[in-house]
Amino acid sequence: MRCACLVHAMMRIEKPVTVLFDDYGARTLYRDVERVVTPAEMIGTMARFELKPDMLSKKDLSFAIRQFFVGSIHGCGEKYYEAGNPA
């Protein structure tokens, strides 16, 4: 769900925004978002992202849709991100 929230922010912002993403370093599957944005800084297991409007390109929309599906009940939500998940 956190990846979907980050992607949603990328789609909606109209001015630069800082996003703090807790447990990012502890859950490797969260790193899927690095396809579209990389952390500006790691603080322990928390990542700091600096977002700007229009960072998400049209070619990344299928990635965004996947994040919303994975974060939904049909995509198993946060359970998807647990260690050892083969997805």
N, C-alpha and C. Protein backbone atom coordinates (compact mmCIF):
# COMPACT_ATOMS: atom_id res chain seq x y z
N MET A 1 0.81 -1.18 0.00
CA MET A 1 0.00 0.00 0.00
C MET A 1 0.87 1.26 0.00
N ARG A 2 2.03 1.20 0.66
CA ARG A 2 2.89 2.38 0.72
C ARG A 2 3.41 2.76 -0.67
N CYS A 3 3.72 1.76 -1.48
CA CYS A 3 4.19 2.06 -2.85
C CYS A 3 3.09 2.76 -3.63
N ALA A 4 1.86 2.28 -3.49
CA ALA A 4 0.73 2.90 -4.18
C ALA A 4 0.53 4.33 -3.70
N CYS A 5 0.70 4.57 -2.41
CA CYS A 5 0.56 5.94 -1.89
C CYS A 5 1.63 6.86 -2.46
N LEU A 6 2.86 6.36 -2.57
CA LEU A 6 3.93 7.16 -3.14
C LEU A 6 3.65 7.49 -4.60
N VAL A 7 3.22 6.50 -5.36
CA VAL A 7 2.90 6.70 -6.77
C VAL A 7 1.71 7.66 -6.91
N HIS A 8 0.73 7.51 -6.04
CA HIS A 8 -0.43 8.41 -6.08
C HIS A 8 0.02 9.85 -5.84
N ALA A 9 0.89 10.05 -4.87
CA ALA A 9 1.42 11.40 -4.62
C ALA A 9 2.12 11.94 -5.86
N MET A 10 2.90 11.08 -6.52
CA MET A 10 3.61 11.50 -7.73
C MET A 10 2.64 11.95 -8.81
N MET A 11 1.48 11.32 -8.88
CA MET A 11 0.49 11.65 -9.90
C MET A 11 -0.26 12.93 -9.58
N ARG A 12 -0.40 13.27 -8.30
CA ARG A 12 -1.31 14.35 -7.91
C ARG A 12 -0.65 15.67 -7.52
N ILE A 13 0.62 15.65 -7.14
CA ILE A 13 1.21 16.88 -6.61
C ILE A 13 1.30 17.99 -7.66
N GLU A 14 1.20 19.21 -7.18
CA GLU A 14 1.30 20.38 -8.04
C GLU A 14 2.48 21.26 -7.67
N LYS A 15 3.20 20.88 -6.61
CA LYS A 15 4.42 21.56 -6.20
C LYS A 15 5.34 20.52 -5.57
N PRO A 16 6.63 20.80 -5.40
CA PRO A 16 7.55 19.81 -4.82
C PRO A 16 7.09 19.37 -3.42
N VAL A 17 7.28 18.07 -3.16
CA VAL A 17 6.84 17.46 -1.90
C VAL A 17 7.93 16.52 -1.41
N THR A 18 8.14 16.51 -0.10
CA THR A 18 9.02 15.53 0.54
C THR A 18 8.15 14.41 1.09
N VAL A 19 8.50 13.16 0.78
CA VAL A 19 7.78 12.00 1.29
C VAL A 19 8.75 11.16 2.12
N LEU A 20 8.36 10.83 3.34
CA LEU A 20 9.14 9.95 4.21
C LEU A 20 8.48 8.58 4.19
N PHE A 21 9.25 7.57 3.87
CA PHE A 21 8.74 6.21 3.62
C PHE A 21 9.39 5.28 4.64
N ASP A 22 8.66 4.98 5.73
CA ASP A 22 9.20 4.16 6.82
C ASP A 22 9.33 2.70 6.40
N ASP A 23 10.29 2.01 6.97
CA ASP A 23 10.58 0.59 6.72
C ASP A 23 11.04 0.31 5.30
N TYR A 24 11.36 1.33 4.54
CA TYR A 24 11.78 1.14 3.15
C TYR A 24 13.02 0.25 3.06
N GLY A 25 13.97 0.47 3.92
CA GLY A 25 15.20 -0.32 3.89
C GLY A 25 15.02 -1.74 4.38
N ALA A 26 13.97 -1.99 5.15
CA ALA A 26 13.74 -3.31 5.73
C ALA A 26 12.94 -4.24 4.82
N ARG A 27 12.26 -3.69 3.83
CA ARG A 27 11.40 -4.51 2.96
C ARG A 27 11.83 -4.32 1.51
N THR A 28 12.53 -5.30 1.00
CA THR A 28 13.14 -5.16 -0.32
C THR A 28 12.13 -4.96 -1.45
N LEU A 29 10.93 -5.48 -1.31
CA LEU A 29 9.96 -5.32 -2.39
C LEU A 29 9.46 -3.89 -2.51
N TYR A 30 9.65 -3.06 -1.47
CA TYR A 30 9.31 -1.64 -1.60
C TYR A 30 10.18 -0.98 -2.66
N ARG A 31 11.33 -1.56 -2.92
CA ARG A 31 12.26 -0.95 -3.86
C ARG A 31 11.78 -0.99 -5.30
N ASP A 32 10.63 -1.61 -5.53
CA ASP A 32 10.01 -1.56 -6.86
C ASP A 32 9.83 -0.12 -7.32
N VAL A 33 9.59 0.78 -6.37
CA VAL A 33 9.35 2.18 -6.74
C VAL A 33 10.57 2.84 -7.38
N GLU A 34 11.73 2.24 -7.21
CA GLU A 34 12.94 2.82 -7.80
C GLU A 34 12.92 2.77 -9.32
N ARG A 35 11.94 2.10 -9.86
CA ARG A 35 11.73 2.16 -11.31
C ARG A 35 11.34 3.58 -11.74
N VAL A 36 10.68 4.32 -10.84
CA VAL A 36 10.21 5.65 -11.19
C VAL A 36 10.82 6.77 -10.34
N VAL A 37 11.34 6.45 -9.16
CA VAL A 37 11.95 7.47 -8.29
C VAL A 37 12.90 6.78 -7.31
N THR A 38 14.02 7.41 -7.04
CA THR A 38 14.98 6.85 -6.08
C THR A 38 15.01 7.73 -4.82
N PRO A 39 15.33 7.13 -3.69
CA PRO A 39 15.39 7.92 -2.46
C PRO A 39 16.49 8.97 -2.54
N ALA A 40 16.20 10.15 -2.01
CA ALA A 40 17.21 11.20 -1.92
C ALA A 40 18.16 10.90 -0.77
N GLU A 41 17.65 10.17 0.25
CA GLU A 41 18.44 9.87 1.43
C GLU A 41 17.82 8.69 2.17
N MET A 42 18.67 7.90 2.81
CA MET A 42 18.21 6.85 3.72
C MET A 42 18.59 7.27 5.13
N ILE A 43 17.65 7.16 6.06
CA ILE A 43 17.87 7.47 7.47
C ILE A 43 17.44 6.23 8.24
N GLY A 44 18.41 5.39 8.57
CA GLY A 44 18.06 4.08 9.14
C GLY A 44 17.34 3.28 8.07
N THR A 45 16.12 2.83 8.38
CA THR A 45 15.34 2.09 7.38
C THR A 45 14.33 2.99 6.67
N MET A 46 14.32 4.28 7.01
CA MET A 46 13.39 5.22 6.39
C MET A 46 14.03 5.89 5.18
N ALA A 47 13.26 6.00 4.10
CA ALA A 47 13.73 6.67 2.90
C ALA A 47 13.06 8.04 2.79
N ARG A 48 13.84 9.00 2.34
CA ARG A 48 13.30 10.33 2.05
C ARG A 48 13.28 10.51 0.54
N PHE A 49 12.11 10.78 0.00
CA PHE A 49 11.93 11.02 -1.43
C PHE A 49 11.61 12.49 -1.64
N GLU A 50 12.20 13.08 -2.65
CA GLU A 50 11.89 14.45 -3.05
C GLU A 50 11.14 14.38 -4.38
N LEU A 51 9.86 14.64 -4.33
CA LEU A 51 9.01 14.53 -5.51
C LEU A 51 8.79 15.89 -6.14
N LYS A 52 8.68 15.89 -7.45
CA LYS A 52 8.36 17.10 -8.22
C LYS A 52 7.18 16.78 -9.13
N PRO A 53 6.37 17.78 -9.44
CA PRO A 53 5.24 17.54 -10.34
C PRO A 53 5.71 16.93 -11.67
N ASP A 54 4.88 16.09 -12.22
CA ASP A 54 5.11 15.48 -13.53
C ASP A 54 6.32 14.55 -13.59
N MET A 55 6.73 13.99 -12.46
CA MET A 55 7.83 13.03 -12.46
C MET A 55 7.43 11.69 -13.07
N LEU A 56 6.15 11.35 -12.96
CA LEU A 56 5.66 10.06 -13.45
C LEU A 56 5.27 10.23 -14.91
N SER A 57 5.97 9.54 -15.78
CA SER A 57 5.71 9.67 -17.21
C SER A 57 4.58 8.73 -17.65
N LYS A 58 4.05 8.97 -18.82
CA LYS A 58 3.00 8.12 -19.35
C LYS A 58 3.46 6.68 -19.48
N LYS A 59 4.73 6.47 -19.79
CA LYS A 59 5.22 5.10 -19.95
C LYS A 59 5.25 4.35 -18.62
N ASP A 60 5.14 5.08 -17.51
CA ASP A 60 5.15 4.44 -16.19
C ASP A 60 3.74 4.19 -15.65
N LEU A 61 2.71 4.47 -16.41
CA LEU A 61 1.35 4.30 -15.91
C LEU A 61 1.01 2.84 -15.61
N SER A 62 1.51 1.90 -16.39
CA SER A 62 1.23 0.49 -16.10
C SER A 62 1.87 0.09 -14.77
N PHE A 63 3.04 0.64 -14.47
CA PHE A 63 3.68 0.40 -13.18
C PHE A 63 2.80 0.95 -12.06
N ALA A 64 2.27 2.16 -12.26
CA ALA A 64 1.41 2.79 -11.25
C ALA A 64 0.16 1.94 -11.01
N ILE A 65 -0.46 1.48 -12.07
CA ILE A 65 -1.66 0.65 -11.95
C ILE A 65 -1.35 -0.62 -11.16
N ARG A 66 -0.21 -1.22 -11.41
CA ARG A 66 0.19 -2.43 -10.68
C ARG A 66 0.32 -2.14 -9.19
N GLN A 67 0.86 -0.99 -8.82
CA GLN A 67 1.00 -0.64 -7.40
C GLN A 67 -0.36 -0.51 -6.73
N PHE A 68 -1.34 0.05 -7.44
CA PHE A 68 -2.68 0.17 -6.87
C PHE A 68 -3.32 -1.21 -6.71
N PHE A 69 -3.10 -2.10 -7.68
CA PHE A 69 -3.65 -3.45 -7.58
C PHE A 69 -3.03 -4.20 -6.41
N VAL A 70 -1.71 -4.14 -6.30
CA VAL A 70 -1.00 -4.86 -5.23
C VAL A 70 -1.44 -4.36 -3.86
N GLY A 71 -1.70 -3.05 -3.75
CA GLY A 71 -2.13 -2.48 -2.48
C GLY A 71 -3.58 -2.76 -2.14
N SER A 72 -4.32 -3.33 -3.08
CA SER A 72 -5.74 -3.60 -2.85
C SER A 72 -5.94 -4.96 -2.21
N ILE A 73 -7.17 -5.25 -1.86
CA ILE A 73 -7.53 -6.55 -1.30
C ILE A 73 -7.22 -7.67 -2.29
N HIS A 74 -7.41 -7.42 -3.57
CA HIS A 74 -7.17 -8.43 -4.59
C HIS A 74 -5.69 -8.72 -4.77
N GLY A 75 -4.88 -7.74 -4.47
CA GLY A 75 -3.44 -7.91 -4.60
C GLY A 75 -2.77 -8.29 -3.29
N CYS A 76 -3.53 -8.57 -2.24
CA CYS A 76 -3.06 -9.01 -0.92
C CYS A 76 -2.58 -7.87 -0.03
N GLY A 77 -2.60 -6.63 -0.49
CA GLY A 77 -2.23 -5.50 0.36
C GLY A 77 -0.81 -5.62 0.89
N GLU A 78 -0.60 -5.22 2.14
CA GLU A 78 0.73 -5.21 2.76
C GLU A 78 1.34 -6.62 2.84
N LYS A 79 0.52 -7.66 2.84
CA LYS A 79 1.04 -9.02 2.92
C LYS A 79 2.01 -9.29 1.77
N TYR A 80 1.81 -8.65 0.63
CA TYR A 80 2.66 -8.80 -0.53
C TYR A 80 4.11 -8.45 -0.20
N TYR A 81 4.30 -7.52 0.72
CA TYR A 81 5.63 -7.02 1.00
C TYR A 81 6.38 -7.79 2.08
N GLU A 82 5.76 -8.81 2.66
CA GLU A 82 6.42 -9.58 3.70
C GLU A 82 7.61 -10.34 3.12
N ALA A 83 8.62 -10.51 3.92
CA ALA A 83 9.83 -11.21 3.50
C ALA A 83 9.48 -12.64 3.05
N GLY A 84 10.10 -13.06 1.99
CA GLY A 84 9.89 -14.41 1.49
C GLY A 84 8.76 -14.56 0.51
N ASN A 85 8.03 -13.49 0.22
CA ASN A 85 6.93 -13.57 -0.73
C ASN A 85 7.52 -13.77 -2.11
N PRO A 86 7.09 -14.82 -2.82
CA PRO A 86 7.64 -15.11 -4.14
C PRO A 86 7.21 -14.13 -5.23
N ALA A 87 6.22 -13.28 -4.96
CA ALA A 87 5.73 -12.35 -5.99
C ALA A 87 6.75 -11.38 -6.30
